[in-house]
N, C-alpha and C. Protein backbone atom coordinates (compact mmCIF):
# COMPACT_ATOMS: atom_id res chain seq x y z
N UNK A 1 -29.54 169.97 99.11
CA UNK A 1 -28.67 169.07 99.84
C UNK A 1 -27.23 169.56 99.81
N UNK A 2 -26.80 170.12 98.70
CA UNK A 2 -25.43 170.60 98.58
C UNK A 2 -25.14 171.71 99.59
N UNK A 3 -26.10 172.57 99.86
CA UNK A 3 -25.89 173.68 100.78
C UNK A 3 -25.68 173.20 102.21
N UNK A 4 -26.29 172.12 102.61
CA UNK A 4 -26.15 171.64 103.99
C UNK A 4 -24.83 170.89 104.20
N UNK A 5 -24.23 170.36 103.16
CA UNK A 5 -22.97 169.63 103.29
C UNK A 5 -21.79 170.59 103.47
N UNK A 6 -21.79 171.71 102.79
CA UNK A 6 -20.69 172.66 102.87
C UNK A 6 -20.44 173.15 104.29
N UNK A 7 -21.44 173.59 105.04
CA UNK A 7 -21.16 174.02 106.42
C UNK A 7 -20.62 172.88 107.29
N UNK A 8 -21.08 171.67 107.05
CA UNK A 8 -20.60 170.53 107.83
C UNK A 8 -19.12 170.29 107.52
N UNK A 9 -18.75 170.34 106.24
CA UNK A 9 -17.35 170.15 105.85
C UNK A 9 -16.47 171.26 106.44
N UNK A 10 -16.97 172.48 106.42
CA UNK A 10 -16.20 173.59 107.00
C UNK A 10 -16.02 173.41 108.50
N UNK A 11 -17.06 172.96 109.17
CA UNK A 11 -16.97 172.73 110.61
C UNK A 11 -15.95 171.63 110.93
N UNK A 12 -15.95 170.58 110.13
CA UNK A 12 -14.99 169.49 110.34
C UNK A 12 -13.57 169.99 110.09
N UNK A 13 -13.37 170.75 109.04
CA UNK A 13 -12.04 171.26 108.73
C UNK A 13 -11.55 172.20 109.83
N UNK A 14 -12.42 173.06 110.31
CA UNK A 14 -12.02 173.99 111.37
C UNK A 14 -11.74 173.28 112.68
N UNK A 15 -12.53 172.27 113.00
CA UNK A 15 -12.33 171.56 114.26
C UNK A 15 -11.03 170.76 114.24
N UNK A 16 -10.63 170.30 113.06
CA UNK A 16 -9.37 169.54 112.98
C UNK A 16 -8.17 170.45 113.18
N UNK A 17 -8.33 171.76 112.96
CA UNK A 17 -7.24 172.70 113.15
C UNK A 17 -7.28 173.38 114.51
N UNK A 18 -8.31 173.14 115.30
CA UNK A 18 -8.43 173.83 116.58
C UNK A 18 -7.25 173.50 117.47
N UNK A 19 -6.70 174.53 118.05
CA UNK A 19 -5.56 174.35 118.93
C UNK A 19 -4.24 174.29 118.19
N UNK A 20 -4.26 174.23 116.89
CA UNK A 20 -3.02 174.18 116.12
C UNK A 20 -2.38 175.56 116.10
N UNK A 21 -1.06 175.56 116.15
CA UNK A 21 -0.30 176.80 116.23
C UNK A 21 0.33 177.13 114.87
N UNK A 22 0.66 178.40 114.72
CA UNK A 22 1.40 178.81 113.53
C UNK A 22 2.80 178.18 113.59
N UNK A 23 3.48 178.19 112.47
CA UNK A 23 4.83 177.63 112.39
C UNK A 23 5.75 178.29 113.42
N UNK A 24 5.72 179.61 113.46
CA UNK A 24 6.59 180.35 114.39
C UNK A 24 6.23 180.05 115.84
N UNK A 25 4.94 180.10 116.17
CA UNK A 25 4.53 179.85 117.56
C UNK A 25 4.86 178.42 117.99
N UNK A 26 4.69 177.48 117.09
CA UNK A 26 5.01 176.08 117.38
C UNK A 26 6.50 175.93 117.63
N UNK A 27 7.32 176.49 116.75
CA UNK A 27 8.77 176.45 116.92
C UNK A 27 9.15 177.06 118.27
N UNK A 28 8.60 178.23 118.57
CA UNK A 28 8.92 178.91 119.82
C UNK A 28 8.49 178.09 121.04
N UNK A 29 7.35 177.43 120.94
CA UNK A 29 6.86 176.61 122.05
C UNK A 29 7.74 175.38 122.27
N UNK A 30 8.12 174.72 121.18
CA UNK A 30 8.99 173.54 121.28
C UNK A 30 10.36 173.94 121.84
N UNK A 31 10.94 174.98 121.28
CA UNK A 31 12.25 175.44 121.74
C UNK A 31 12.16 175.95 123.18
N UNK A 32 11.06 176.58 123.53
CA UNK A 32 10.86 177.06 124.90
C UNK A 32 10.86 175.92 125.90
N UNK A 33 10.17 174.83 125.55
CA UNK A 33 10.16 173.65 126.43
C UNK A 33 11.55 173.05 126.55
N UNK A 34 12.26 173.00 125.43
CA UNK A 34 13.63 172.46 125.44
C UNK A 34 14.52 173.32 126.33
N UNK A 35 14.41 174.62 126.19
CA UNK A 35 15.26 175.54 126.96
C UNK A 35 14.96 175.45 128.45
N UNK A 36 13.68 175.40 128.81
CA UNK A 36 13.32 175.29 130.23
C UNK A 36 13.85 173.99 130.83
N UNK A 37 13.74 172.90 130.07
CA UNK A 37 14.23 171.63 130.58
C UNK A 37 15.75 171.65 130.74
N UNK A 38 16.45 172.17 129.75
CA UNK A 38 17.91 172.23 129.81
C UNK A 38 18.38 173.14 130.96
N UNK A 39 17.65 174.23 131.20
CA UNK A 39 18.00 175.11 132.32
C UNK A 39 17.88 174.36 133.65
N UNK A 40 16.83 173.57 133.80
CA UNK A 40 16.66 172.77 135.02
C UNK A 40 17.77 171.72 135.14
N UNK A 41 18.15 171.13 134.03
CA UNK A 41 19.20 170.13 134.03
C UNK A 41 20.54 170.77 134.44
N UNK A 42 20.83 171.94 133.91
CA UNK A 42 22.08 172.63 134.26
C UNK A 42 22.10 172.99 135.75
N UNK A 43 20.97 173.42 136.26
CA UNK A 43 20.88 173.75 137.68
C UNK A 43 21.21 172.53 138.53
N UNK A 44 20.66 171.38 138.15
CA UNK A 44 20.90 170.15 138.89
C UNK A 44 22.37 169.76 138.84
N UNK A 45 23.00 169.88 137.68
CA UNK A 45 24.39 169.44 137.54
C UNK A 45 25.38 170.40 138.21
N UNK A 46 24.95 171.59 138.56
CA UNK A 46 25.84 172.56 139.20
C UNK A 46 25.83 172.47 140.72
N UNK A 47 25.06 171.56 141.26
CA UNK A 47 25.00 171.41 142.71
C UNK A 47 26.30 170.78 143.20
N UNK A 48 26.97 171.44 144.13
CA UNK A 48 28.25 170.96 144.65
C UNK A 48 28.16 170.77 146.16
N UNK A 49 28.78 169.72 146.64
CA UNK A 49 28.99 169.48 148.06
C UNK A 49 27.72 169.36 148.90
N UNK A 50 26.60 169.10 148.29
CA UNK A 50 25.36 168.91 149.05
C UNK A 50 24.57 167.77 148.40
N UNK A 51 24.82 166.58 148.88
CA UNK A 51 24.21 165.38 148.30
C UNK A 51 22.68 165.43 148.35
N UNK A 52 22.14 165.86 149.48
CA UNK A 52 20.68 165.90 149.63
C UNK A 52 20.06 166.87 148.62
N UNK A 53 20.68 168.04 148.45
CA UNK A 53 20.17 169.02 147.48
C UNK A 53 20.30 168.49 146.06
N UNK A 54 21.43 167.87 145.76
CA UNK A 54 21.64 167.31 144.42
C UNK A 54 20.61 166.23 144.12
N UNK A 55 20.35 165.36 145.09
CA UNK A 55 19.36 164.29 144.88
C UNK A 55 17.95 164.87 144.76
N UNK A 56 17.66 165.90 145.53
CA UNK A 56 16.34 166.54 145.43
C UNK A 56 16.16 167.20 144.06
N UNK A 57 17.19 167.87 143.58
CA UNK A 57 17.10 168.50 142.26
C UNK A 57 17.00 167.44 141.16
N UNK A 58 17.72 166.34 141.33
CA UNK A 58 17.65 165.23 140.37
C UNK A 58 16.23 164.67 140.33
N UNK A 59 15.65 164.41 141.48
CA UNK A 59 14.28 163.89 141.54
C UNK A 59 13.30 164.90 140.96
N UNK A 60 13.53 166.18 141.24
CA UNK A 60 12.66 167.23 140.68
C UNK A 60 12.75 167.29 139.17
N UNK A 61 13.95 167.07 138.64
CA UNK A 61 14.13 167.07 137.19
C UNK A 61 13.37 165.92 136.54
N UNK A 62 13.36 164.77 137.20
CA UNK A 62 12.62 163.62 136.68
C UNK A 62 11.13 163.94 136.61
N UNK A 63 10.61 164.57 137.65
CA UNK A 63 9.20 164.97 137.66
C UNK A 63 8.95 166.05 136.60
N UNK A 64 9.87 167.00 136.50
CA UNK A 64 9.72 168.09 135.53
C UNK A 64 9.73 167.55 134.10
N UNK A 65 10.47 166.48 133.86
CA UNK A 65 10.48 165.86 132.53
C UNK A 65 9.07 165.44 132.13
N UNK A 66 8.32 164.89 133.06
CA UNK A 66 6.94 164.50 132.77
C UNK A 66 6.08 165.71 132.44
N UNK A 67 6.30 166.81 133.15
CA UNK A 67 5.55 168.05 132.88
C UNK A 67 5.86 168.52 131.45
N UNK A 68 7.15 168.54 131.10
CA UNK A 68 7.54 168.97 129.75
C UNK A 68 6.96 168.05 128.68
N UNK A 69 7.05 166.74 128.91
CA UNK A 69 6.51 165.79 127.93
C UNK A 69 5.01 165.98 127.76
N UNK A 70 4.31 166.24 128.83
CA UNK A 70 2.87 166.49 128.76
C UNK A 70 2.59 167.78 127.98
N UNK A 71 3.35 168.82 128.26
CA UNK A 71 3.19 170.09 127.53
C UNK A 71 3.46 169.89 126.03
N UNK A 72 4.52 169.17 125.72
CA UNK A 72 4.89 168.94 124.32
C UNK A 72 3.83 168.12 123.60
N UNK A 73 3.28 167.12 124.27
CA UNK A 73 2.25 166.29 123.65
C UNK A 73 1.02 167.08 123.24
N UNK A 74 0.76 168.18 123.90
CA UNK A 74 -0.42 169.00 123.61
C UNK A 74 -0.21 169.92 122.40
N UNK A 75 1.03 170.11 121.99
CA UNK A 75 1.31 171.06 120.91
C UNK A 75 0.93 170.49 119.55
N UNK A 76 0.28 171.33 118.76
CA UNK A 76 -0.11 170.98 117.39
C UNK A 76 0.30 172.13 116.48
N UNK A 77 0.63 171.79 115.26
CA UNK A 77 1.08 172.81 114.32
C UNK A 77 0.21 172.78 113.06
N UNK A 78 0.02 173.96 112.51
CA UNK A 78 -0.61 174.07 111.19
C UNK A 78 0.57 173.98 110.22
N UNK A 79 0.86 172.79 109.77
CA UNK A 79 2.02 172.57 108.92
C UNK A 79 2.56 171.16 109.15
N UNK A 80 3.77 170.96 108.67
CA UNK A 80 4.40 169.64 108.75
C UNK A 80 5.43 169.65 109.88
N UNK A 81 5.34 168.70 110.80
CA UNK A 81 6.23 168.65 111.97
C UNK A 81 7.61 168.10 111.64
N UNK A 82 7.71 167.12 110.75
CA UNK A 82 8.97 166.51 110.31
C UNK A 82 9.78 165.90 111.47
N UNK A 83 9.10 165.43 112.50
CA UNK A 83 9.80 164.78 113.61
C UNK A 83 10.39 165.73 114.63
N UNK A 84 10.10 167.00 114.50
CA UNK A 84 10.63 168.03 115.40
C UNK A 84 10.23 167.73 116.85
N UNK A 85 8.94 167.56 117.07
CA UNK A 85 8.43 167.29 118.41
C UNK A 85 8.95 165.95 118.92
N UNK A 86 8.98 164.94 118.08
CA UNK A 86 9.42 163.60 118.49
C UNK A 86 10.88 163.61 118.94
N UNK A 87 11.72 164.39 118.28
CA UNK A 87 13.13 164.45 118.68
C UNK A 87 13.29 165.09 120.07
N UNK A 88 12.50 166.11 120.35
CA UNK A 88 12.58 166.70 121.68
C UNK A 88 12.07 165.73 122.73
N UNK A 89 10.98 165.05 122.42
CA UNK A 89 10.45 164.06 123.35
C UNK A 89 11.47 162.95 123.61
N UNK A 90 12.16 162.49 122.58
CA UNK A 90 13.19 161.46 122.75
C UNK A 90 14.30 161.94 123.67
N UNK A 91 14.74 163.18 123.47
CA UNK A 91 15.82 163.72 124.29
C UNK A 91 15.39 163.83 125.76
N UNK A 92 14.21 164.36 125.98
CA UNK A 92 13.73 164.52 127.36
C UNK A 92 13.50 163.16 128.00
N UNK A 93 12.96 162.21 127.25
CA UNK A 93 12.73 160.87 127.80
C UNK A 93 14.05 160.21 128.17
N UNK A 94 15.06 160.36 127.34
CA UNK A 94 16.39 159.80 127.66
C UNK A 94 16.92 160.44 128.94
N UNK A 95 16.84 161.76 129.03
CA UNK A 95 17.32 162.46 130.23
C UNK A 95 16.56 162.00 131.46
N UNK A 96 15.27 161.87 131.32
CA UNK A 96 14.46 161.42 132.46
C UNK A 96 14.94 160.06 132.96
N UNK A 97 15.15 159.14 132.05
CA UNK A 97 15.61 157.80 132.42
C UNK A 97 17.00 157.85 133.05
N UNK A 98 17.89 158.60 132.44
CA UNK A 98 19.26 158.70 132.95
C UNK A 98 19.29 159.33 134.34
N UNK A 99 18.51 160.37 134.53
CA UNK A 99 18.51 161.05 135.82
C UNK A 99 17.73 160.27 136.88
N UNK A 100 16.78 159.48 136.46
CA UNK A 100 16.03 158.66 137.42
C UNK A 100 16.88 157.50 137.94
N UNK A 101 17.73 156.95 137.09
CA UNK A 101 18.48 155.76 137.47
C UNK A 101 19.96 156.05 137.68
N UNK A 102 20.65 156.34 136.61
CA UNK A 102 22.11 156.47 136.66
C UNK A 102 22.58 157.61 137.55
N UNK A 103 21.93 158.75 137.43
CA UNK A 103 22.41 159.91 138.17
C UNK A 103 22.21 159.78 139.68
N UNK A 104 21.28 158.99 140.11
CA UNK A 104 21.13 158.76 141.54
C UNK A 104 22.43 158.15 142.09
N UNK A 105 22.96 157.16 141.38
CA UNK A 105 24.22 156.52 141.78
C UNK A 105 25.41 157.45 141.58
N UNK A 106 25.43 158.15 140.47
CA UNK A 106 26.54 159.06 140.18
C UNK A 106 26.67 160.09 141.30
N UNK A 107 25.56 160.68 141.70
CA UNK A 107 25.58 161.69 142.77
C UNK A 107 26.05 161.06 144.07
N UNK A 108 25.53 159.89 144.37
CA UNK A 108 25.92 159.23 145.62
C UNK A 108 27.43 159.00 145.67
N UNK A 109 28.00 158.55 144.56
CA UNK A 109 29.45 158.29 144.52
C UNK A 109 30.22 159.61 144.56
N UNK A 110 29.84 160.56 143.72
CA UNK A 110 30.58 161.82 143.61
C UNK A 110 30.55 162.63 144.91
N UNK A 111 29.47 162.51 145.67
CA UNK A 111 29.35 163.27 146.91
C UNK A 111 29.94 162.53 148.11
N UNK A 112 30.34 161.30 147.91
CA UNK A 112 30.91 160.49 149.00
C UNK A 112 32.42 160.71 149.05
N UNK A 113 32.87 161.38 150.08
CA UNK A 113 34.30 161.70 150.21
C UNK A 113 35.13 160.44 150.42
N UNK A 114 34.50 159.34 150.82
CA UNK A 114 35.21 158.09 151.06
C UNK A 114 35.12 157.12 149.88
N UNK A 115 34.55 157.57 148.78
CA UNK A 115 34.40 156.69 147.61
C UNK A 115 35.77 156.31 147.06
N UNK A 116 35.87 155.06 146.63
CA UNK A 116 37.12 154.55 146.06
C UNK A 116 37.37 155.20 144.70
N UNK A 117 38.64 155.28 144.34
CA UNK A 117 39.01 155.86 143.05
C UNK A 117 38.38 155.14 141.89
N UNK A 118 38.26 153.81 141.99
CA UNK A 118 37.64 153.04 140.91
C UNK A 118 36.16 153.39 140.78
N UNK A 119 35.49 153.60 141.90
CA UNK A 119 34.07 153.99 141.86
C UNK A 119 33.90 155.37 141.23
N UNK A 120 34.82 156.26 141.58
CA UNK A 120 34.78 157.61 140.99
C UNK A 120 34.99 157.54 139.48
N UNK A 121 35.91 156.70 139.05
CA UNK A 121 36.19 156.57 137.62
C UNK A 121 34.98 156.02 136.88
N UNK A 122 34.30 155.04 137.46
CA UNK A 122 33.09 154.47 136.85
C UNK A 122 31.99 155.53 136.78
N UNK A 123 31.82 156.29 137.85
CA UNK A 123 30.80 157.35 137.88
C UNK A 123 31.11 158.43 136.84
N UNK A 124 32.38 158.81 136.75
CA UNK A 124 32.78 159.82 135.76
C UNK A 124 32.56 159.33 134.33
N UNK A 125 32.89 158.07 134.09
CA UNK A 125 32.71 157.50 132.75
C UNK A 125 31.23 157.45 132.37
N UNK A 126 30.40 157.05 133.31
CA UNK A 126 28.95 156.98 133.03
C UNK A 126 28.38 158.37 132.79
N UNK A 127 28.82 159.34 133.60
CA UNK A 127 28.36 160.72 133.42
C UNK A 127 28.76 161.23 132.04
N UNK A 128 29.99 160.97 131.65
CA UNK A 128 30.48 161.39 130.33
C UNK A 128 29.66 160.74 129.21
N UNK A 129 29.37 159.46 129.37
CA UNK A 129 28.56 158.74 128.39
C UNK A 129 27.17 159.36 128.26
N UNK A 130 26.57 159.69 129.38
CA UNK A 130 25.23 160.31 129.37
C UNK A 130 25.29 161.68 128.69
N UNK A 131 26.28 162.49 129.06
CA UNK A 131 26.39 163.83 128.47
C UNK A 131 26.64 163.76 126.97
N UNK A 132 27.45 162.81 126.53
CA UNK A 132 27.70 162.65 125.09
C UNK A 132 26.42 162.25 124.37
N UNK A 133 25.65 161.37 124.96
CA UNK A 133 24.37 160.96 124.34
C UNK A 133 23.40 162.13 124.27
N UNK A 134 23.36 162.94 125.31
CA UNK A 134 22.49 164.12 125.31
C UNK A 134 22.92 165.08 124.20
N UNK A 135 24.23 165.25 124.02
CA UNK A 135 24.73 166.12 122.93
C UNK A 135 24.31 165.58 121.57
N UNK A 136 24.37 164.26 121.39
CA UNK A 136 23.91 163.64 120.14
C UNK A 136 22.43 163.90 119.92
N UNK A 137 21.63 163.70 120.96
CA UNK A 137 20.19 163.90 120.85
C UNK A 137 19.86 165.36 120.59
N UNK A 138 20.63 166.27 121.18
CA UNK A 138 20.42 167.69 120.94
C UNK A 138 20.75 168.05 119.49
N UNK A 139 21.80 167.46 118.95
CA UNK A 139 22.15 167.70 117.55
C UNK A 139 21.05 167.18 116.63
N UNK A 140 20.49 166.02 116.95
CA UNK A 140 19.38 165.47 116.16
C UNK A 140 18.16 166.38 116.25
N UNK A 141 17.91 166.92 117.43
CA UNK A 141 16.80 167.85 117.63
C UNK A 141 16.98 169.10 116.78
N UNK A 142 18.20 169.66 116.78
CA UNK A 142 18.46 170.86 115.98
C UNK A 142 18.33 170.57 114.48
N UNK A 143 18.75 169.39 114.06
CA UNK A 143 18.59 169.00 112.66
C UNK A 143 17.11 168.87 112.31
N UNK A 144 16.34 168.29 113.22
CA UNK A 144 14.89 168.17 112.99
C UNK A 144 14.23 169.54 112.95
N UNK A 145 14.74 170.48 113.73
CA UNK A 145 14.21 171.85 113.70
C UNK A 145 14.47 172.47 112.33
N UNK A 146 15.66 172.26 111.79
CA UNK A 146 15.97 172.77 110.46
C UNK A 146 15.07 172.13 109.40
N UNK A 147 14.85 170.82 109.50
CA UNK A 147 13.96 170.12 108.57
C UNK A 147 12.54 170.66 108.67
N UNK A 148 12.11 170.92 109.89
CA UNK A 148 10.78 171.49 110.14
C UNK A 148 10.65 172.85 109.46
N UNK A 149 11.66 173.70 109.65
CA UNK A 149 11.63 175.04 109.07
C UNK A 149 11.60 174.96 107.54
N UNK A 150 12.46 174.13 106.96
CA UNK A 150 12.51 173.99 105.50
C UNK A 150 11.19 173.46 104.94
N UNK A 151 10.63 172.46 105.60
CA UNK A 151 9.38 171.85 105.11
C UNK A 151 8.22 172.85 105.14
N UNK A 152 8.33 173.83 106.03
CA UNK A 152 7.25 174.79 106.16
C UNK A 152 7.60 176.18 105.61
N UNK A 153 8.72 176.26 104.90
CA UNK A 153 9.11 177.53 104.27
C UNK A 153 9.43 178.63 105.26
N UNK A 154 9.94 178.24 106.41
CA UNK A 154 10.25 179.24 107.46
C UNK A 154 11.77 179.35 107.61
N UNK A 155 12.18 180.47 108.17
CA UNK A 155 13.60 180.68 108.45
C UNK A 155 13.79 180.66 109.95
N UNK A 156 14.92 180.08 110.39
CA UNK A 156 15.26 180.06 111.80
C UNK A 156 16.10 181.30 112.11
N UNK A 157 15.86 181.88 113.26
CA UNK A 157 16.64 183.06 113.67
C UNK A 157 17.85 182.65 114.45
């Protein structure tokens, strides 16, 4: 009876690790998703003088956020995550919400040559608030990455 239990236990242990990545590969995959998302966000924010293009890129970024979140949800690590993945998901989810709602109005105001000065000031203040929050979330993400590396005895490059 003992001989038949060992292969079953090994099969269960191996199946629980299936799809799990090494510490380095997991870090690279998480950071890769973050970098791709931030690159798309920068592209959207650099659109000048074309409201339709800016709105299209904004809408595309919202859709792309779902793609990134789906990709991130699939990632598994052989080791301790320490909230690394959750911090990236939080940052992307915040950006998705901000770009789905607030940025639609911000773009409309900023691209409107007839917009009142008060409307421009409100749009600028909201944009600044969003960017500051993204910077905070990015700092939390980087801290979680350091915690992840320390917990798993890895060094960050």
